[in-house]
């Protein structure tokens, strides 16, 4: 709780807080319910100190954890608007060292449809080869986007090169870097119209 009085003659009382209840349901399952609330009385003459008004939200999360798998199911209810927000399911799978897969699905009860689904994986096939992918389905447009596919080759654990296909912009990029300096990557690519593209690590953006 907070109270403020301003030399303009304005006064405001501010209340905000959150309450969480977490319970272990079994060795693998855990549930959590939370309530967030924010409200005020009066007003402030300063724009930087203003708030969006009353916020009241309750949320619930169910989590499943195993050595190689973590999954969560969550949703929330906006009590101020009287609206149920999207139900989201997420999962991360680690079948073996160097292998990671993740997926997420969002269902919008207001629309009564799937609003978004995502899939990504990063797999180290061997000490020399690695492949990574990220794609998603947009429920509003009904389209599937293959956002990025990357194949990486490493030489002697010191030099690496990768070919990346960016599906949304339809670009193909080739990049190389020293493994000790992964941020210093020089890139050259081919655009959707066949134009040459360049990205220098010290500039951080394409011309």
N, C-alpha and C. Protein backbone atom coordinates (compact mmCIF):
# COMPACT_ATOMS: atom_id res chain seq x y z
N UNK A 1 0.85 -1.19 0.00
CA UNK A 1 0.00 0.00 0.00
C UNK A 1 0.88 1.23 0.00
N UNK A 2 0.41 2.27 -0.65
CA UNK A 2 1.19 3.50 -0.72
C UNK A 2 0.24 4.68 -0.80
N UNK A 3 0.59 5.74 -0.09
CA UNK A 3 -0.19 6.96 -0.16
C UNK A 3 0.69 8.12 -0.56
N UNK A 4 0.19 9.00 -1.39
CA UNK A 4 0.98 10.14 -1.87
C UNK A 4 0.13 11.41 -1.83
N UNK A 5 0.78 12.49 -1.40
CA UNK A 5 0.15 13.81 -1.45
C UNK A 5 1.07 14.74 -2.23
N UNK A 6 0.52 15.47 -3.20
CA UNK A 6 1.31 16.31 -4.08
C UNK A 6 1.06 17.78 -3.79
N UNK A 7 2.05 18.61 -4.10
CA UNK A 7 1.92 20.05 -3.85
C UNK A 7 0.85 20.69 -4.71
N UNK A 8 0.38 19.99 -5.73
CA UNK A 8 -0.73 20.49 -6.55
C UNK A 8 -2.06 20.37 -5.82
N UNK A 9 -2.06 19.67 -4.70
CA UNK A 9 -3.30 19.44 -3.97
C UNK A 9 -3.92 18.09 -4.23
N UNK A 10 -3.33 17.33 -5.17
CA UNK A 10 -3.83 15.99 -5.46
C UNK A 10 -3.33 15.00 -4.42
N UNK A 11 -4.10 13.95 -4.23
CA UNK A 11 -3.71 12.87 -3.31
C UNK A 11 -4.15 11.55 -3.92
N UNK A 12 -3.38 10.51 -3.60
CA UNK A 12 -3.70 9.21 -4.17
C UNK A 12 -3.31 8.11 -3.19
N UNK A 13 -4.17 7.10 -3.13
CA UNK A 13 -3.86 5.89 -2.41
C UNK A 13 -3.72 4.75 -3.40
N UNK A 14 -2.67 3.95 -3.25
CA UNK A 14 -2.33 2.92 -4.23
C UNK A 14 -2.19 1.58 -3.51
N UNK A 15 -2.83 0.55 -4.07
CA UNK A 15 -2.78 -0.78 -3.50
C UNK A 15 -2.42 -1.78 -4.59
N UNK A 16 -1.43 -2.62 -4.30
CA UNK A 16 -1.05 -3.66 -5.25
C UNK A 16 -0.50 -4.85 -4.49
N UNK A 17 -0.68 -6.04 -5.04
CA UNK A 17 -0.16 -7.21 -4.36
C UNK A 17 -0.46 -8.48 -5.13
N UNK A 18 0.16 -9.56 -4.68
CA UNK A 18 -0.05 -10.86 -5.29
C UNK A 18 0.02 -11.93 -4.22
N UNK A 19 -0.86 -12.92 -4.36
CA UNK A 19 -0.91 -14.05 -3.44
C UNK A 19 -0.82 -15.34 -4.25
N UNK A 20 0.10 -16.21 -3.85
CA UNK A 20 0.30 -17.49 -4.55
C UNK A 20 0.11 -18.65 -3.58
N UNK A 21 -0.49 -19.70 -4.11
CA UNK A 21 -0.59 -20.96 -3.36
C UNK A 21 -0.05 -22.07 -4.24
N UNK A 22 1.00 -22.75 -3.77
CA UNK A 22 1.65 -23.81 -4.53
C UNK A 22 1.57 -25.11 -3.74
N UNK A 23 1.24 -26.18 -4.45
CA UNK A 23 1.12 -27.48 -3.79
C UNK A 23 1.72 -28.58 -4.66
N UNK A 24 2.49 -29.44 -4.04
CA UNK A 24 3.04 -30.60 -4.73
C UNK A 24 1.99 -31.70 -4.72
N UNK A 25 1.54 -32.10 -5.91
CA UNK A 25 0.49 -33.10 -6.02
C UNK A 25 1.04 -34.52 -6.02
N UNK A 26 2.27 -34.68 -6.51
CA UNK A 26 2.95 -35.98 -6.52
C UNK A 26 4.42 -35.71 -6.78
N UNK A 27 5.17 -36.76 -7.01
CA UNK A 27 6.59 -36.58 -7.29
C UNK A 27 6.81 -35.81 -8.58
N UNK A 28 5.92 -35.93 -9.54
CA UNK A 28 6.09 -35.31 -10.85
C UNK A 28 5.22 -34.07 -11.05
N UNK A 29 4.07 -34.00 -10.36
CA UNK A 29 3.10 -32.94 -10.61
C UNK A 29 3.11 -31.88 -9.52
N UNK A 30 2.97 -30.63 -9.95
CA UNK A 30 2.87 -29.51 -9.03
C UNK A 30 1.84 -28.51 -9.54
N UNK A 31 0.99 -28.01 -8.65
CA UNK A 31 -0.03 -27.04 -9.04
C UNK A 31 0.18 -25.71 -8.33
N UNK A 32 -0.23 -24.64 -8.99
CA UNK A 32 -0.11 -23.30 -8.40
C UNK A 32 -1.30 -22.45 -8.82
N UNK A 33 -1.84 -21.71 -7.87
CA UNK A 33 -2.92 -20.76 -8.12
C UNK A 33 -2.47 -19.41 -7.58
N UNK A 34 -2.65 -18.37 -8.36
CA UNK A 34 -2.23 -17.03 -7.94
C UNK A 34 -3.30 -15.99 -8.23
N UNK A 35 -3.30 -14.95 -7.41
CA UNK A 35 -4.21 -13.82 -7.59
C UNK A 35 -3.40 -12.54 -7.54
N UNK A 36 -3.57 -11.69 -8.54
CA UNK A 36 -2.91 -10.38 -8.59
C UNK A 36 -3.97 -9.29 -8.56
N UNK A 37 -3.68 -8.23 -7.81
CA UNK A 37 -4.67 -7.13 -7.70
C UNK A 37 -3.94 -5.80 -7.65
N UNK A 38 -4.53 -4.80 -8.31
CA UNK A 38 -4.00 -3.44 -8.28
C UNK A 38 -5.16 -2.46 -8.42
N UNK A 39 -5.16 -1.43 -7.57
CA UNK A 39 -6.23 -0.43 -7.62
C UNK A 39 -5.71 0.85 -6.99
N UNK A 40 -6.42 1.94 -7.21
CA UNK A 40 -6.03 3.22 -6.63
C UNK A 40 -7.25 4.08 -6.37
N UNK A 41 -7.08 5.01 -5.46
CA UNK A 41 -8.09 6.01 -5.15
C UNK A 41 -7.43 7.37 -5.28
N UNK A 42 -8.06 8.32 -5.96
CA UNK A 42 -7.44 9.61 -6.22
C UNK A 42 -6.67 9.59 -7.51
N UNK A 43 -5.83 10.61 -7.70
CA UNK A 43 -5.07 10.71 -8.94
C UNK A 43 -3.74 11.40 -8.69
N UNK A 44 -2.82 11.21 -9.66
CA UNK A 44 -1.51 11.84 -9.61
C UNK A 44 -1.39 12.86 -10.73
N UNK A 45 -0.72 13.98 -10.51
CA UNK A 45 -0.56 14.97 -11.59
C UNK A 45 0.58 14.64 -12.54
N UNK A 46 1.35 13.56 -12.24
CA UNK A 46 2.51 13.22 -13.05
C UNK A 46 2.20 12.04 -13.96
N UNK A 47 2.53 12.19 -15.24
CA UNK A 47 2.27 11.13 -16.20
C UNK A 47 3.12 9.89 -15.89
N UNK A 48 4.39 10.09 -15.50
CA UNK A 48 5.27 8.95 -15.27
C UNK A 48 4.82 8.10 -14.08
N UNK A 49 3.99 8.67 -13.20
CA UNK A 49 3.55 7.94 -12.01
C UNK A 49 2.13 7.40 -12.16
N UNK A 50 1.55 7.56 -13.33
CA UNK A 50 0.18 7.10 -13.54
C UNK A 50 0.14 5.60 -13.76
N UNK A 51 -1.00 4.99 -13.53
CA UNK A 51 -1.18 3.55 -13.73
C UNK A 51 -2.36 3.33 -14.68
N UNK A 52 -2.54 2.08 -15.06
CA UNK A 52 -3.60 1.74 -16.01
C UNK A 52 -4.94 1.56 -15.31
N UNK A 53 -4.98 1.76 -14.01
CA UNK A 53 -6.25 1.60 -13.29
C UNK A 53 -6.33 0.24 -12.60
N UNK A 54 -7.53 -0.25 -12.46
CA UNK A 54 -7.72 -1.49 -11.72
C UNK A 54 -7.30 -2.70 -12.54
N UNK A 55 -6.53 -3.58 -11.89
CA UNK A 55 -6.15 -4.85 -12.48
C UNK A 55 -6.50 -5.94 -11.47
N UNK A 56 -7.19 -6.95 -11.93
CA UNK A 56 -7.53 -8.08 -11.07
C UNK A 56 -7.47 -9.34 -11.92
N UNK A 57 -6.55 -10.21 -11.57
CA UNK A 57 -6.34 -11.41 -12.40
C UNK A 57 -6.02 -12.60 -11.50
N UNK A 58 -6.61 -13.72 -11.84
CA UNK A 58 -6.27 -14.98 -11.18
C UNK A 58 -5.72 -15.94 -12.22
N UNK A 59 -4.73 -16.71 -11.86
CA UNK A 59 -4.10 -17.62 -12.82
C UNK A 59 -3.82 -18.96 -12.16
N UNK A 60 -3.71 -19.96 -12.99
CA UNK A 60 -3.46 -21.33 -12.51
C UNK A 60 -2.44 -21.99 -13.43
N UNK A 61 -1.51 -22.73 -12.82
CA UNK A 61 -0.47 -23.42 -13.57
C UNK A 61 -0.31 -24.84 -13.04
N UNK A 62 -0.25 -25.78 -13.94
CA UNK A 62 0.00 -27.18 -13.60
C UNK A 62 1.30 -27.59 -14.27
N UNK A 63 2.25 -28.10 -13.48
CA UNK A 63 3.59 -28.41 -13.99
C UNK A 63 3.90 -29.89 -13.81
N UNK A 64 4.49 -30.47 -14.86
CA UNK A 64 4.91 -31.88 -14.83
C UNK A 64 6.41 -31.91 -15.08
N UNK A 65 7.17 -32.53 -14.17
CA UNK A 65 8.62 -32.58 -14.28
C UNK A 65 9.13 -34.01 -14.15
N UNK A 66 9.94 -34.38 -15.13
CA UNK A 66 10.67 -35.64 -15.10
C UNK A 66 12.11 -35.33 -15.51
N UNK A 67 13.04 -36.27 -15.34
CA UNK A 67 14.44 -35.96 -15.65
C UNK A 67 14.67 -35.41 -17.06
N UNK A 68 13.91 -35.88 -18.04
CA UNK A 68 14.15 -35.45 -19.42
C UNK A 68 12.98 -34.66 -20.01
N UNK A 69 12.00 -34.33 -19.20
CA UNK A 69 10.82 -33.66 -19.73
C UNK A 69 10.24 -32.70 -18.70
N UNK A 70 9.90 -31.50 -19.17
CA UNK A 70 9.18 -30.53 -18.35
C UNK A 70 8.01 -30.00 -19.17
N UNK A 71 6.81 -30.02 -18.60
CA UNK A 71 5.62 -29.54 -19.29
C UNK A 71 4.80 -28.68 -18.33
N UNK A 72 4.22 -27.61 -18.85
CA UNK A 72 3.36 -26.75 -18.06
C UNK A 72 2.06 -26.47 -18.81
N UNK A 73 0.99 -26.35 -18.04
CA UNK A 73 -0.33 -25.99 -18.58
C UNK A 73 -0.82 -24.81 -17.74
N UNK A 74 -1.13 -23.72 -18.39
CA UNK A 74 -1.49 -22.52 -17.64
C UNK A 74 -2.63 -21.76 -18.31
N UNK A 75 -3.36 -21.03 -17.49
CA UNK A 75 -4.41 -20.15 -17.97
C UNK A 75 -4.65 -19.09 -16.93
N UNK A 76 -5.38 -18.06 -17.28
CA UNK A 76 -5.68 -16.98 -16.34
C UNK A 76 -7.04 -16.40 -16.67
N UNK A 77 -7.61 -15.73 -15.67
CA UNK A 77 -8.93 -15.12 -15.83
C UNK A 77 -8.83 -13.67 -15.41
N UNK A 78 -9.19 -12.76 -16.33
CA UNK A 78 -9.19 -11.34 -16.05
C UNK A 78 -10.51 -10.99 -15.36
N UNK A 79 -10.46 -10.81 -14.03
CA UNK A 79 -11.68 -10.55 -13.27
C UNK A 79 -12.24 -9.17 -13.55
N UNK A 80 -11.39 -8.20 -13.88
CA UNK A 80 -11.87 -6.86 -14.17
C UNK A 80 -12.67 -6.83 -15.47
N UNK A 81 -12.21 -7.60 -16.47
CA UNK A 81 -12.90 -7.64 -17.76
C UNK A 81 -13.88 -8.79 -17.85
N UNK A 82 -13.81 -9.73 -16.90
CA UNK A 82 -14.68 -10.90 -16.94
C UNK A 82 -14.40 -11.78 -18.13
N UNK A 83 -13.11 -11.98 -18.43
CA UNK A 83 -12.72 -12.71 -19.64
C UNK A 83 -11.67 -13.76 -19.32
N UNK A 84 -11.87 -14.98 -19.86
CA UNK A 84 -10.88 -16.05 -19.73
C UNK A 84 -9.81 -15.85 -20.80
N UNK A 85 -8.55 -15.84 -20.38
CA UNK A 85 -7.45 -15.61 -21.30
C UNK A 85 -6.96 -16.95 -21.89
N UNK A 86 -6.10 -16.90 -22.92
CA UNK A 86 -5.69 -18.13 -23.60
C UNK A 86 -5.12 -19.20 -22.67
N UNK A 87 -5.41 -20.44 -23.01
CA UNK A 87 -4.85 -21.60 -22.31
C UNK A 87 -3.59 -22.00 -23.06
N UNK A 88 -2.47 -22.09 -22.33
CA UNK A 88 -1.17 -22.32 -22.95
C UNK A 88 -0.56 -23.60 -22.40
N UNK A 89 -0.08 -24.44 -23.30
CA UNK A 89 0.64 -25.66 -22.93
C UNK A 89 2.05 -25.58 -23.52
N UNK A 90 3.05 -25.84 -22.68
CA UNK A 90 4.45 -25.81 -23.12
C UNK A 90 5.16 -27.08 -22.68
N UNK A 91 6.13 -27.50 -23.47
CA UNK A 91 6.90 -28.70 -23.13
C UNK A 91 8.32 -28.55 -23.64
N UNK A 92 9.27 -29.03 -22.83
CA UNK A 92 10.67 -29.10 -23.22
C UNK A 92 11.15 -30.54 -22.98
N UNK A 93 11.82 -31.09 -23.99
CA UNK A 93 12.23 -32.49 -23.94
C UNK A 93 13.73 -32.57 -24.20
N UNK A 94 14.43 -33.28 -23.32
CA UNK A 94 15.88 -33.45 -23.44
C UNK A 94 16.19 -34.95 -23.47
N UNK A 95 16.04 -35.60 -24.62
CA UNK A 95 16.20 -37.06 -24.67
C UNK A 95 17.63 -37.54 -24.42
N UNK A 96 18.61 -36.67 -24.76
CA UNK A 96 20.01 -37.05 -24.56
C UNK A 96 20.85 -35.78 -24.57
N UNK A 97 22.08 -35.82 -24.07
CA UNK A 97 22.92 -34.62 -24.07
C UNK A 97 23.09 -34.05 -25.47
N UNK A 98 22.91 -32.74 -25.59
CA UNK A 98 23.04 -32.08 -26.88
C UNK A 98 21.78 -32.08 -27.71
N UNK A 99 20.70 -32.67 -27.20
CA UNK A 99 19.42 -32.71 -27.91
C UNK A 99 18.37 -31.95 -27.10
N UNK A 100 17.72 -31.00 -27.73
CA UNK A 100 16.66 -30.23 -27.07
C UNK A 100 15.51 -30.04 -28.04
N UNK A 101 14.30 -30.30 -27.58
CA UNK A 101 13.10 -30.05 -28.37
C UNK A 101 12.09 -29.33 -27.49
N UNK A 102 11.39 -28.38 -28.07
CA UNK A 102 10.41 -27.60 -27.32
C UNK A 102 9.18 -27.35 -28.19
N UNK A 103 8.03 -27.30 -27.54
CA UNK A 103 6.78 -27.05 -28.26
C UNK A 103 5.85 -26.24 -27.36
N UNK A 104 5.00 -25.45 -27.96
CA UNK A 104 4.04 -24.64 -27.22
C UNK A 104 2.76 -24.51 -28.04
N UNK A 105 1.63 -24.55 -27.36
CA UNK A 105 0.33 -24.43 -28.02
C UNK A 105 -0.52 -23.46 -27.21
N UNK A 106 -1.18 -22.54 -27.89
CA UNK A 106 -2.05 -21.57 -27.24
C UNK A 106 -3.45 -21.67 -27.82
N UNK A 107 -4.42 -21.86 -26.94
CA UNK A 107 -5.83 -21.96 -27.36
C UNK A 107 -6.59 -20.77 -26.79
N UNK A 108 -7.27 -20.03 -27.66
CA UNK A 108 -8.02 -18.85 -27.26
C UNK A 108 -9.49 -19.22 -27.08
N UNK A 109 -10.00 -19.27 -25.84
CA UNK A 109 -11.40 -19.66 -25.63
C UNK A 109 -12.39 -18.62 -26.16
N UNK A 110 -11.95 -17.37 -26.27
CA UNK A 110 -12.84 -16.34 -26.82
C UNK A 110 -13.12 -16.60 -28.29
N UNK A 111 -12.07 -16.97 -29.03
CA UNK A 111 -12.22 -17.28 -30.45
C UNK A 111 -12.69 -18.71 -30.67
N UNK A 112 -12.47 -19.56 -29.65
CA UNK A 112 -12.82 -20.96 -29.80
C UNK A 112 -11.94 -21.68 -30.80
N UNK A 113 -10.66 -21.27 -30.86
CA UNK A 113 -9.75 -21.85 -31.85
C UNK A 113 -8.32 -21.78 -31.34
N UNK A 114 -7.47 -22.55 -32.00
CA UNK A 114 -6.04 -22.53 -31.72
C UNK A 114 -5.46 -21.23 -32.25
N UNK A 115 -4.83 -20.43 -31.39
CA UNK A 115 -4.30 -19.14 -31.83
C UNK A 115 -2.84 -19.21 -32.27
N UNK A 116 -2.07 -20.14 -31.68
CA UNK A 116 -0.66 -20.25 -32.07
C UNK A 116 -0.10 -21.59 -31.60
N UNK A 117 0.80 -22.13 -32.40
CA UNK A 117 1.54 -23.34 -32.03
C UNK A 117 2.97 -23.18 -32.50
N UNK A 118 3.93 -23.56 -31.66
CA UNK A 118 5.34 -23.40 -31.98
C UNK A 118 6.09 -24.71 -31.78
N UNK A 119 7.12 -24.91 -32.59
CA UNK A 119 7.97 -26.09 -32.48
C UNK A 119 9.41 -25.68 -32.76
N UNK A 120 10.32 -26.14 -31.92
CA UNK A 120 11.74 -25.88 -32.15
C UNK A 120 12.54 -27.08 -31.67
N UNK A 121 13.68 -27.28 -32.30
CA UNK A 121 14.60 -28.30 -31.82
C UNK A 121 16.02 -27.91 -32.17
N UNK A 122 16.94 -28.37 -31.36
CA UNK A 122 18.37 -28.13 -31.55
C UNK A 122 19.05 -29.46 -31.25
N UNK A 123 19.58 -30.10 -32.28
CA UNK A 123 20.11 -31.46 -32.16
C UNK A 123 21.57 -31.49 -32.59
N UNK A 124 22.42 -31.94 -31.69
CA UNK A 124 23.83 -32.14 -32.02
C UNK A 124 24.01 -33.57 -32.46
N UNK A 125 24.08 -33.77 -33.78
CA UNK A 125 24.15 -35.11 -34.35
C UNK A 125 25.49 -35.78 -34.04
N UNK A 126 26.54 -34.98 -33.97
CA UNK A 126 27.88 -35.48 -33.68
C UNK A 126 28.72 -34.29 -33.25
N UNK A 127 29.97 -34.50 -32.83
CA UNK A 127 30.82 -33.34 -32.51
C UNK A 127 31.03 -32.39 -33.69
N UNK A 128 30.71 -32.85 -34.89
CA UNK A 128 30.94 -32.03 -36.08
C UNK A 128 29.68 -31.38 -36.63
N UNK A 129 28.52 -32.01 -36.46
CA UNK A 129 27.30 -31.56 -37.12
C UNK A 129 26.21 -31.24 -36.10
N UNK A 130 25.46 -30.17 -36.39
CA UNK A 130 24.34 -29.75 -35.54
C UNK A 130 23.25 -29.16 -36.42
N UNK A 131 21.99 -29.45 -36.09
CA UNK A 131 20.87 -28.92 -36.85
C UNK A 131 19.86 -28.30 -35.89
N UNK A 132 19.30 -27.16 -36.27
CA UNK A 132 18.34 -26.46 -35.43
C UNK A 132 17.19 -25.96 -36.30
N UNK A 133 15.99 -25.93 -35.73
CA UNK A 133 14.79 -25.54 -36.47
C UNK A 133 13.84 -24.79 -35.56
N UNK A 134 13.15 -23.80 -36.13
CA UNK A 134 12.06 -23.12 -35.42
C UNK A 134 10.96 -22.80 -36.42
N UNK A 135 9.74 -23.20 -36.09
CA UNK A 135 8.59 -22.90 -36.93
C UNK A 135 7.36 -22.71 -36.07
N UNK A 136 6.34 -22.11 -36.65
CA UNK A 136 5.11 -21.88 -35.89
C UNK A 136 3.89 -21.81 -36.80
N UNK A 137 2.76 -22.08 -36.19
CA UNK A 137 1.48 -21.98 -36.87
C UNK A 137 0.72 -20.80 -36.30
N UNK A 138 0.26 -19.92 -37.17
CA UNK A 138 -0.51 -18.74 -36.75
C UNK A 138 -1.99 -19.01 -36.99
N UNK A 139 -2.75 -19.11 -35.90
CA UNK A 139 -4.16 -19.45 -36.02
C UNK A 139 -5.00 -18.36 -36.65
N UNK A 140 -4.56 -17.09 -36.55
CA UNK A 140 -5.35 -15.99 -37.12
C UNK A 140 -5.29 -15.99 -38.64
N UNK A 141 -4.13 -16.32 -39.20
CA UNK A 141 -4.00 -16.37 -40.66
C UNK A 141 -4.19 -17.78 -41.19
N UNK A 142 -4.12 -18.79 -40.29
CA UNK A 142 -4.24 -20.17 -40.71
C UNK A 142 -3.04 -20.66 -41.52
N UNK A 143 -1.87 -20.06 -41.26
CA UNK A 143 -0.68 -20.40 -42.04
C UNK A 143 0.40 -21.01 -41.15
N UNK A 144 1.22 -21.86 -41.76
CA UNK A 144 2.36 -22.48 -41.11
C UNK A 144 3.62 -21.81 -41.62
N UNK A 145 4.46 -21.33 -40.71
CA UNK A 145 5.68 -20.61 -41.08
C UNK A 145 6.90 -21.42 -40.63
N UNK A 146 7.79 -21.74 -41.58
CA UNK A 146 9.07 -22.35 -41.26
C UNK A 146 10.07 -21.21 -41.09
N UNK A 147 10.18 -20.72 -39.89
CA UNK A 147 10.92 -19.49 -39.65
C UNK A 147 12.41 -19.65 -39.88
N UNK A 148 13.00 -20.76 -39.36
CA UNK A 148 14.45 -20.87 -39.49
C UNK A 148 14.90 -22.33 -39.42
N UNK A 149 15.79 -22.70 -40.34
CA UNK A 149 16.44 -24.01 -40.34
C UNK A 149 17.93 -23.77 -40.52
N UNK A 150 18.73 -24.28 -39.57
CA UNK A 150 20.18 -24.04 -39.59
C UNK A 150 20.93 -25.37 -39.49
N UNK A 151 21.93 -25.54 -40.35
CA UNK A 151 22.83 -26.69 -40.30
C UNK A 151 24.24 -26.15 -40.05
N UNK A 152 24.88 -26.65 -39.01
CA UNK A 152 26.18 -26.14 -38.58
C UNK A 152 27.24 -27.23 -38.66
N UNK A 153 28.42 -26.86 -39.16
CA UNK A 153 29.57 -27.77 -39.24
C UNK A 153 30.72 -27.14 -38.46
N UNK A 154 31.39 -27.95 -37.61
CA UNK A 154 32.50 -27.47 -36.80
C UNK A 154 33.77 -28.23 -37.17
N UNK A 155 34.88 -27.48 -37.26
CA UNK A 155 36.18 -28.05 -37.58
C UNK A 155 37.13 -27.89 -36.40
N UNK A 156 37.67 -28.99 -35.91
CA UNK A 156 38.71 -28.97 -34.87
C UNK A 156 38.32 -28.18 -33.63
N UNK A 157 37.02 -28.09 -33.38
CA UNK A 157 36.49 -27.41 -32.19
C UNK A 157 36.89 -25.94 -32.10
N UNK A 158 37.30 -25.34 -33.21
CA UNK A 158 37.70 -23.93 -33.16
C UNK A 158 37.06 -23.07 -34.24
N UNK A 159 36.67 -23.69 -35.36
CA UNK A 159 36.06 -22.96 -36.47
C UNK A 159 34.73 -23.59 -36.82
N UNK A 160 33.70 -22.76 -36.99
CA UNK A 160 32.37 -23.26 -37.32
C UNK A 160 31.79 -22.47 -38.49
N UNK A 161 30.95 -23.13 -39.26
CA UNK A 161 30.24 -22.49 -40.36
C UNK A 161 28.82 -23.04 -40.38
N UNK A 162 27.88 -22.21 -40.80
CA UNK A 162 26.47 -22.60 -40.79
C UNK A 162 25.76 -22.07 -42.02
N UNK A 163 24.80 -22.86 -42.48
CA UNK A 163 23.89 -22.44 -43.55
C UNK A 163 22.50 -22.34 -42.93
N UNK A 164 21.85 -21.20 -43.12
CA UNK A 164 20.54 -20.96 -42.52
C UNK A 164 19.53 -20.58 -43.59
N UNK A 165 18.38 -21.21 -43.54
CA UNK A 165 17.26 -20.84 -44.41
C UNK A 165 16.21 -20.14 -43.56
N UNK A 166 15.87 -18.92 -43.91
CA UNK A 166 14.86 -18.14 -43.21
C UNK A 166 13.59 -18.16 -44.06
N UNK A 167 12.64 -18.95 -43.61
CA UNK A 167 11.47 -19.19 -44.44
C UNK A 167 10.57 -18.00 -44.62
N UNK A 168 10.45 -17.14 -43.59
CA UNK A 168 9.53 -16.00 -43.69
C UNK A 168 10.00 -15.01 -44.73
N UNK A 169 11.32 -14.71 -44.75
CA UNK A 169 11.86 -13.77 -45.72
C UNK A 169 12.42 -14.46 -46.96
N UNK A 170 12.43 -15.81 -46.95
CA UNK A 170 12.94 -16.61 -48.06
C UNK A 170 14.38 -16.21 -48.40
N UNK A 171 15.21 -16.21 -47.37
CA UNK A 171 16.62 -15.89 -47.52
C UNK A 171 17.48 -17.10 -47.13
N UNK A 172 18.64 -17.23 -47.77
CA UNK A 172 19.63 -18.25 -47.42
C UNK A 172 20.90 -17.53 -47.00
N UNK A 173 21.40 -17.87 -45.80
CA UNK A 173 22.57 -17.20 -45.24
C UNK A 173 23.68 -18.19 -44.97
N UNK A 174 24.91 -17.77 -45.23
CA UNK A 174 26.11 -18.51 -44.88
C UNK A 174 26.90 -17.67 -43.89
N UNK A 175 27.27 -18.26 -42.77
CA UNK A 175 28.03 -17.54 -41.76
C UNK A 175 29.16 -18.40 -41.22
N UNK A 176 30.22 -17.75 -40.77
CA UNK A 176 31.38 -18.45 -40.22
C UNK A 176 31.88 -17.67 -39.01
N UNK A 177 32.44 -18.41 -38.03
CA UNK A 177 32.93 -17.76 -36.83
C UNK A 177 33.91 -18.68 -36.10
N UNK A 178 34.72 -18.08 -35.24
CA UNK A 178 35.55 -18.83 -34.33
C UNK A 178 34.71 -19.21 -33.12
N UNK A 179 34.80 -20.47 -32.69
CA UNK A 179 33.97 -20.91 -31.57
C UNK A 179 34.27 -20.15 -30.29
N UNK A 180 35.48 -19.61 -30.16
CA UNK A 180 35.83 -18.80 -28.99
C UNK A 180 35.20 -17.42 -29.04
N UNK A 181 34.75 -16.99 -30.24
CA UNK A 181 34.12 -15.69 -30.42
C UNK A 181 32.80 -15.88 -31.16
N UNK A 182 31.80 -16.51 -30.54
CA UNK A 182 30.56 -16.83 -31.26
C UNK A 182 29.76 -15.60 -31.69
N UNK A 183 30.02 -14.45 -31.06
CA UNK A 183 29.27 -13.24 -31.41
C UNK A 183 29.84 -12.57 -32.66
N UNK A 184 31.09 -12.86 -33.02
CA UNK A 184 31.73 -12.21 -34.17
C UNK A 184 31.52 -13.06 -35.41
N UNK A 185 30.34 -12.96 -35.97
CA UNK A 185 29.99 -13.77 -37.13
C UNK A 185 29.80 -12.89 -38.36
N UNK A 186 30.54 -13.20 -39.40
CA UNK A 186 30.32 -12.53 -40.67
C UNK A 186 29.31 -13.32 -41.48
N UNK A 187 28.35 -12.64 -42.10
CA UNK A 187 27.28 -13.32 -42.82
C UNK A 187 27.16 -12.80 -44.25
N UNK A 188 26.85 -13.71 -45.12
CA UNK A 188 26.53 -13.36 -46.50
C UNK A 188 25.32 -14.20 -46.90
N UNK A 189 24.40 -13.58 -47.65
CA UNK A 189 23.17 -14.28 -47.97
C UNK A 189 22.65 -13.96 -49.35
N UNK A 190 21.62 -14.72 -49.71
CA UNK A 190 20.91 -14.51 -50.97
C UNK A 190 19.45 -14.27 -50.63
N UNK A 191 18.89 -13.13 -51.10
CA UNK A 191 17.51 -12.77 -50.81
C UNK A 191 16.52 -13.48 -51.69
N UNK A 192 15.25 -13.21 -51.45
CA UNK A 192 14.18 -13.88 -52.20
C UNK A 192 14.18 -13.51 -53.67
N UNK A 193 14.74 -12.33 -54.00
CA UNK A 193 14.81 -11.90 -55.39
C UNK A 193 16.18 -12.15 -56.00
N UNK A 194 17.03 -12.91 -55.31
CA UNK A 194 18.36 -13.22 -55.83
C UNK A 194 19.40 -12.17 -55.51
N UNK A 195 19.07 -11.16 -54.71
CA UNK A 195 20.04 -10.12 -54.37
C UNK A 195 21.00 -10.61 -53.30
N UNK A 196 22.23 -10.06 -53.33
CA UNK A 196 23.24 -10.42 -52.34
C UNK A 196 23.03 -9.61 -51.07
N UNK A 197 23.18 -10.28 -49.92
CA UNK A 197 22.99 -9.65 -48.62
C UNK A 197 24.25 -9.85 -47.79
N UNK A 198 24.60 -8.84 -47.01
CA UNK A 198 25.78 -8.92 -46.16
C UNK A 198 25.44 -8.41 -44.77
N UNK A 199 26.09 -9.01 -43.77
CA UNK A 199 25.92 -8.56 -42.39
C UNK A 199 27.28 -8.71 -41.71
N UNK A 200 27.86 -7.60 -41.30
CA UNK A 200 29.17 -7.60 -40.68
C UNK A 200 29.03 -7.57 -39.16
N UNK A 201 29.79 -8.38 -38.42
CA UNK A 201 29.59 -8.48 -36.97
C UNK A 201 29.83 -7.18 -36.23
N UNK A 202 30.70 -6.31 -36.74
CA UNK A 202 30.98 -5.07 -36.03
C UNK A 202 29.92 -4.00 -36.29
N UNK A 203 29.07 -4.22 -37.30
CA UNK A 203 27.98 -3.29 -37.57
C UNK A 203 26.68 -3.77 -36.95
N UNK A 204 26.46 -5.09 -36.90
CA UNK A 204 25.29 -5.65 -36.24
C UNK A 204 24.02 -5.54 -37.02
N UNK A 205 24.05 -5.06 -38.29
CA UNK A 205 22.84 -4.95 -39.08
C UNK A 205 23.19 -4.97 -40.54
N UNK A 206 22.27 -5.36 -41.35
CA UNK A 206 22.49 -5.39 -42.79
C UNK A 206 22.30 -4.00 -43.37
N UNK A 207 23.09 -3.62 -44.36
CA UNK A 207 22.88 -2.33 -45.04
C UNK A 207 21.61 -2.36 -45.86
